[in-house]
C-alpha atoms as a PDB file:
ATOM      1  CA  MET A   1      -0.040   0.049  -0.059  1.00  0.00           C
ATOM      2  CA  ARG A   2       1.387   3.445  -0.911  1.00  0.00           C
ATOM      3  CA  ILE A   3       0.191   7.058   0.263  1.00  0.00           C
ATOM      4  CA  ARG A   4       0.275   7.986  -3.338  1.00  0.00           C
ATOM      5  CA  GLN A   5      -2.735   5.861  -4.044  1.00  0.00           C
ATOM      6  CA  THR A   6      -4.944   8.075  -2.216  1.00  0.00           C
ATOM      7  CA  SER A   7      -7.096  10.257  -4.451  1.00  0.00           C
ATOM      8  CA  SER A   8      -5.059  13.110  -6.002  1.00  0.00           C
ATOM      9  CA  THR A   9      -8.344  14.883  -6.956  1.00  0.00           C
ATOM     10  CA  LEU A  10      -9.457  15.013  -3.426  1.00  0.00           C
ATOM     11  CA  LEU A  11      -6.037  16.451  -2.299  1.00  0.00           C
ATOM     12  CA  VAL A  12      -6.098  19.128  -4.879  1.00  0.00           C
ATOM     13  CA  CYS A  13      -9.623  20.141  -3.948  1.00  0.00           C
ATOM     14  CA  LEU A  14      -8.373  20.141  -0.155  1.00  0.00           C
ATOM     15  CA  LEU A  15      -5.304  22.232  -0.789  1.00  0.00           C
ATOM     16  CA  ALA A  16      -7.148  24.542  -3.416  1.00  0.00           C
ATOM     17  CA  SER A  17      -9.737  25.144  -0.452  1.00  0.00           C
ATOM     18  CA  GLY A  18      -6.872  26.206   1.805  1.00  0.00           C
ATOM     19  CA  SER A  19      -7.844  23.374   4.207  1.00  0.00           C
ATOM     20  CA  ILE A  20      -6.298  20.090   4.568  1.00  0.00           C
ATOM     21  CA  ARG A  21      -8.995  19.235   7.213  1.00  0.00           C
ATOM     22  CA  ALA A  22     -11.931  17.848   5.161  1.00  0.00           C
ATOM     23  CA  GLN A  23     -13.228  16.019   8.053  1.00  0.00           C
ATOM     24  CA  PRO A  24     -13.466  16.810  11.875  1.00  0.00           C
ATOM     25  CA  ILE A  25     -10.528  15.351  13.787  1.00  0.00           C
ATOM     26  CA  THR A  26     -10.602  14.861  17.486  1.00  0.00           C
ATOM     27  CA  PRO A  27      -7.856  16.738  18.950  1.00  0.00           C
ATOM     28  CA  GLY A  28      -5.219  14.336  20.513  1.00  0.00           C
ATOM     29  CA  ALA A  29      -6.586  11.404  18.321  1.00  0.00           C
ATOM     30  CA  ALA A  30      -3.383   9.401  18.620  1.00  0.00           C
ATOM     31  CA  LEU A  31      -2.586   7.006  15.797  1.00  0.00           C
ATOM     32  CA  GLN A  32      -2.635   3.482  16.855  1.00  0.00           C
ATOM     33  CA  MET A  33       0.332   1.424  15.473  1.00  0.00           C
ATOM     34  CA  SER A  34       2.981  -1.130  16.639  1.00  0.00           C
ATOM     35  CA  PRO A  35       6.213   0.097  18.120  1.00  0.00           C
ATOM     36  CA  GLU A  36       8.157  -0.949  15.133  1.00  0.00           C
ATOM     37  CA  LEU A  37       5.913   1.089  12.737  1.00  0.00           C
ATOM     38  CA  ARG A  38       5.945   4.025  15.174  1.00  0.00           C
ATOM     39  CA  GLN A  39       9.945   3.846  15.008  1.00  0.00           C
ATOM     40  CA  LEU A  40       9.773   4.133  11.285  1.00  0.00           C
ATOM     41  CA  PHE A  41       7.583   7.074  11.399  1.00  0.00           C
ATOM     42  CA  GLN A  42       9.677   8.704  14.019  1.00  0.00           C
ATOM     43  CA  ALA A  43      12.422   8.083  11.996  1.00  0.00           C
ATOM     44  CA  GLU A  44      11.010   9.654   8.908  1.00  0.00           C
ATOM     45  CA  MET A  45      10.015  12.765  11.152  1.00  0.00           C
ATOM     46  CA  ARG A  46      13.785  13.133  12.352  1.00  0.00           C
ATOM     47  CA  GLU A  47      14.608  13.296   8.570  1.00  0.00           C
ATOM     48  CA  LEU A  48      12.221  15.815   7.844  1.00  0.00           C
ATOM     49  CA  LEU A  49      13.105  18.042  10.687  1.00  0.00           C
ATOM     50  CA  ALA A  50      16.919  17.895   9.504  1.00  0.00           C
ATOM     51  CA  GLY A  51      15.479  18.679   5.967  1.00  0.00           C
ATOM     52  CA  THR A  52      13.508  21.872   7.294  1.00  0.00           C
ATOM     53  CA  ARG A  53      16.622  23.041   9.263  1.00  0.00           C
ATOM     54  CA  THR A  54      18.809  22.653   6.320  1.00  0.00           C
ATOM     55  CA  ILE A  55      16.237  24.711   4.259  1.00  0.00           C
ATOM     56  CA  ALA A  56      15.985  27.197   6.808  1.00  0.00           C
ATOM     57  CA  GLU A  57      19.748  27.686   6.901  1.00  0.00           C
ATOM     58  CA  SER A  58      20.042  27.615   3.202  1.00  0.00           C
ATOM     59  CA  LEU A  59      17.710  30.081   2.140  1.00  0.00           C
ATOM     60  CA  PRO A  60      19.233  33.377   3.730  1.00  0.00           C
ATOM     61  CA  VAL A  61      22.426  32.562   1.853  1.00  0.00           C
ATOM     62  CA  ALA A  62      20.833  31.498  -1.466  1.00  0.00           C
ATOM     63  CA  ASN A  63      22.038  27.868  -1.297  1.00  0.00           C
ATOM     64  CA  TRP A  64      19.616  26.776  -4.166  1.00  0.00           C
ATOM     65  CA  GLU A  65      21.377  23.210  -4.415  1.00  0.00           C
ATOM     66  CA  GLY A  66      21.024  22.664  -0.596  1.00  0.00           C
ATOM     67  CA  ILE A  67      17.435  23.404  -0.632  1.00  0.00           C
ATOM     68  CA  ALA A  68      16.555  21.518  -3.654  1.00  0.00           C
ATOM     69  CA  THR A  69      18.683  18.514  -2.130  1.00  0.00           C
ATOM     70  CA  SER A  70      16.988  18.725   1.179  1.00  0.00           C
ATOM     71  CA  ALA A  71      13.425  19.157  -0.275  1.00  0.00           C
ATOM     72  CA  ALA A  72      13.943  16.361  -2.705  1.00  0.00           C
ATOM     73  CA  ALA A  73      14.794  14.120   0.307  1.00  0.00           C
ATOM     74  CA  MET A  74      11.824  15.235   2.090  1.00  0.00           C
ATOM     75  CA  ARG A  75       9.689  14.490  -0.958  1.00  0.00           C
ATOM     76  CA  ASP A  76      11.063  10.977  -1.199  1.00  0.00           C
ATOM     77  CA  SER A  77      10.774   9.984   2.377  1.00  0.00           C
ATOM     78  CA  TYR A  78       7.870   7.902   2.338  1.00  0.00           C
ATOM     79  CA  VAL A  79       7.646   5.524   5.068  1.00  0.00           C
ATOM     80  CA  LEU A  80       4.962   3.666   3.062  1.00  0.00           C
ATOM     81  CA  GLU A  81       7.535   2.949   0.297  1.00  0.00           C
ATOM     82  CA  LYS A  82      10.129   1.351   2.516  1.00  0.00           C
ATOM     83  CA  LYS A  83      10.266  -2.583   2.770  1.00  0.00           C
ATOM     84  CA  LEU A  84       7.348  -3.495   5.297  1.00  0.00           C
ATOM     85  CA  THR A  85       5.903  -6.625   6.639  1.00  0.00           C
ATOM     86  CA  LYS A  86       2.534  -7.741   5.748  1.00  0.00           C
ATOM     87  CA  ALA A  87       1.515  -6.845   9.454  1.00  0.00           C
ATOM     88  CA  GLN A  88       2.791  -3.427   8.898  1.00  0.00           C
ATOM     89  CA  GLU A  89       1.200  -3.137   5.702  1.00  0.00           C
ATOM     90  CA  ALA A  90      -2.181  -4.024   7.421  1.00  0.00           C
ATOM     91  CA  GLU A  91      -1.589  -1.481   9.930  1.00  0.00           C
ATOM     92  CA  LEU A  92      -1.034   1.317   7.561  1.00  0.00           C
ATOM     93  CA  ALA A  93      -4.244   0.514   5.816  1.00  0.00           C
ATOM     94  CA  LYS A  94      -5.846   1.136   9.096  1.00  0.00           C
ATOM     95  CA  LEU A  95      -4.581   4.555   9.614  1.00  0.00           C
ATOM     96  CA  PRO A  96      -7.068   7.477   9.185  1.00  0.00           C
ATOM     97  CA  GLU A  97      -7.667   8.594   5.733  1.00  0.00           C
ATOM     98  CA  GLN A  98      -7.227  12.263   7.009  1.00  0.00           C
ATOM     99  CA  PHE A  99      -3.677  11.394   8.184  1.00  0.00           C
ATOM    100  CA  ARG A 100      -2.741   9.779   4.901  1.00  0.00           C
ATOM    101  CA  LEU A 101      -3.938  13.020   3.188  1.00  0.00           C
ATOM    102  CA  MET A 102      -1.906  15.254   5.479  1.00  0.00           C
ATOM    103  CA  ASP A 103       1.158  13.177   4.637  1.00  0.00           C
ATOM    104  CA  GLN A 104       0.706  13.267   1.094  1.00  0.00           C
ATOM    105  CA  ALA A 105       0.220  17.075   1.349  1.00  0.00           C
ATOM    106  CA  LEU A 106       3.571  17.386   2.930  1.00  0.00           C
ATOM    107  CA  HIS A 107       5.489  15.391   0.162  1.00  0.00           C
ATOM    108  CA  LEU A 108       3.706  17.597  -2.364  1.00  0.00           C
ATOM    109  CA  ARG A 109       4.920  20.654  -0.603  1.00  0.00           C
ATOM    110  CA  ALA A 110       8.321  19.185  -0.531  1.00  0.00           C
ATOM    111  CA  GLU A 111       8.043  18.772  -4.430  1.00  0.00           C
ATOM    112  CA  LYS A 112       6.895  22.368  -4.828  1.00  0.00           C
ATOM    113  CA  LEU A 113      10.180  23.560  -2.714  1.00  0.00           C
ATOM    114  CA  VAL A 114      12.215  21.605  -5.049  1.00  0.00           C
ATOM    115  CA  ALA A 115      10.833  23.369  -7.883  1.00  0.00           C
ATOM    116  CA  ALA A 116      11.096  26.667  -6.223  1.00  0.00           C
ATOM    117  CA  ALA A 117      14.738  26.206  -5.362  1.00  0.00           C
ATOM    118  CA  LYS A 118      15.451  25.173  -9.029  1.00  0.00           C
ATOM    119  CA  ALA A 119      13.880  28.406 -10.185  1.00  0.00           C
ATOM    120  CA  ARG A 120      15.819  30.165  -7.505  1.00  0.00           C
ATOM    121  CA  ASP A 121      12.706  31.879  -6.447  1.00  0.00           C
ATOM    122  CA  THR A 122      13.130  33.186  -2.870  1.00  0.00           C
ATOM    123  CA  GLU A 123       9.581  34.034  -2.151  1.00  0.00           C
ATOM    124  CA  ALA A 124       8.305  30.921  -3.508  1.00  0.00           C
ATOM    125  CA  VAL A 125      10.863  28.869  -1.417  1.00  0.00           C
ATOM    126  CA  SER A 126       9.808  30.918   1.704  1.00  0.00           C
ATOM    127  CA  PHE A 127       6.045  30.227   0.825  1.00  0.00           C
ATOM    128  CA  GLN A 128       6.312  26.516   0.305  1.00  0.00           C
ATOM    129  CA  LEU A 129       8.404  25.986   3.272  1.00  0.00           C
ATOM    130  CA  SER A 130       5.752  27.975   5.402  1.00  0.00           C
ATOM    131  CA  ARG A 131       2.989  25.752   3.893  1.00  0.00           C
ATOM    132  CA  LEU A 132       4.961  22.548   4.499  1.00  0.00           C
ATOM    133  CA  LEU A 133       5.458  23.779   7.955  1.00  0.00           C
ATOM    134  CA  ASP A 134       1.728  24.486   8.250  1.00  0.00           C
ATOM    135  CA  THR A 135       1.227  20.693   7.284  1.00  0.00           C
ATOM    136  CA  CYS A 136       3.481  19.624   9.913  1.00  0.00           C
ATOM    137  CA  VAL A 137       1.612  21.585  12.586  1.00  0.00           C
ATOM    138  CA  SER A 138      -1.859  20.582  11.404  1.00  0.00           C
ATOM    139  CA  CYS A 139      -0.827  16.888  11.576  1.00  0.00           C
ATOM    140  CA  HIS A 140       1.001  17.106  15.066  1.00  0.00           C
ATOM    141  CA  SER A 141      -1.894  19.218  16.392  1.00  0.00           C
ATOM    142  CA  SER A 142      -4.285  16.501  15.240  1.00  0.00           C
ATOM    143  CA  TYR A 143      -2.489  13.321  15.881  1.00  0.00           C
ATOM    144  CA  ALA A 144       0.518  13.890  18.026  1.00  0.00           C
ATOM    145  CA  THR A 145      -0.600  16.012  21.001  1.00  0.00           C
ATOM    146  CA  SER A 146       0.721  13.453  23.519  1.00  0.00           C
ATOM    147  CA  GLN A 147       4.270  13.996  22.071  1.00  0.00           C
ATOM    148  CA  PHE A 148       3.535  17.868  21.579  1.00  0.00           C
ATOM    149  CA  PRO A 149       1.152  18.946  24.414  1.00  0.00           C
ATOM    150  CA  ASN A 150       1.556  22.556  23.903  1.00  0.00           C
ATOM    151  CA  PHE A 151      -0.844  22.464  20.891  1.00  0.00           C
ATOM    152  CA  ASP A 152      -4.066  24.120  21.920  1.00  0.00           C
ATOM    153  CA  SER A 153      -7.020  21.978  21.478  1.00  0.00           C
ATOM    154  CA  HIS A 154      -8.863  24.865  20.048  1.00  0.00           C
ATOM    155  CA  ASP A 155      -6.428  25.426  17.001  1.00  0.00           C
ATOM    156  CA  ASP A 156      -9.441  25.389  14.568  1.00  0.00           C
ATOM    157  CA  GLN A 157     -10.637  28.745  15.753  1.00  0.00           C
ATOM    158  CA  ALA A 158     -10.066  31.824  13.472  1.00  0.00           C
ATOM    159  CA  HIS A 159      -6.562  32.964  13.118  1.00  0.00           C
ATOM    160  CA  HIS A 160      -5.850  36.448  14.101  1.00  0.00           C
ATOM    161  CA  HIS A 161      -2.685  38.160  12.513  1.00  0.00           C
END
């Protein structure tokens, strides 16, 4: 099973609407998975964090190659494309559709970061990095509040800038 099999039409509609949350999510709804699968996801999260740090350090000095390389690694870091046991594949099939959509959105944002870096477009890189981080926050505030308890359970309220 692969995340990329999720309906791309639905994802495009969600992204175009500006909201990744198509269905209500109970704040703090922890994902149920085995310790082994959780370790795979945690390893991927560490890789993604390293990538965002590299991009944040590379943007102010116009290190386009560093941004493109890091964003490409983030784009390609699918847990679901690793060699998994049949039991782990069955577990993944049970993860919420909304979680899989958020994961797909993150990888789509990483792809857009690659394109922006290759175009040497500072504004587009900044924007796509911001949107990628929004996806991280949305997922963590929905599914990882036990790891990140500082997320307010009322984060669905209107934003005031």
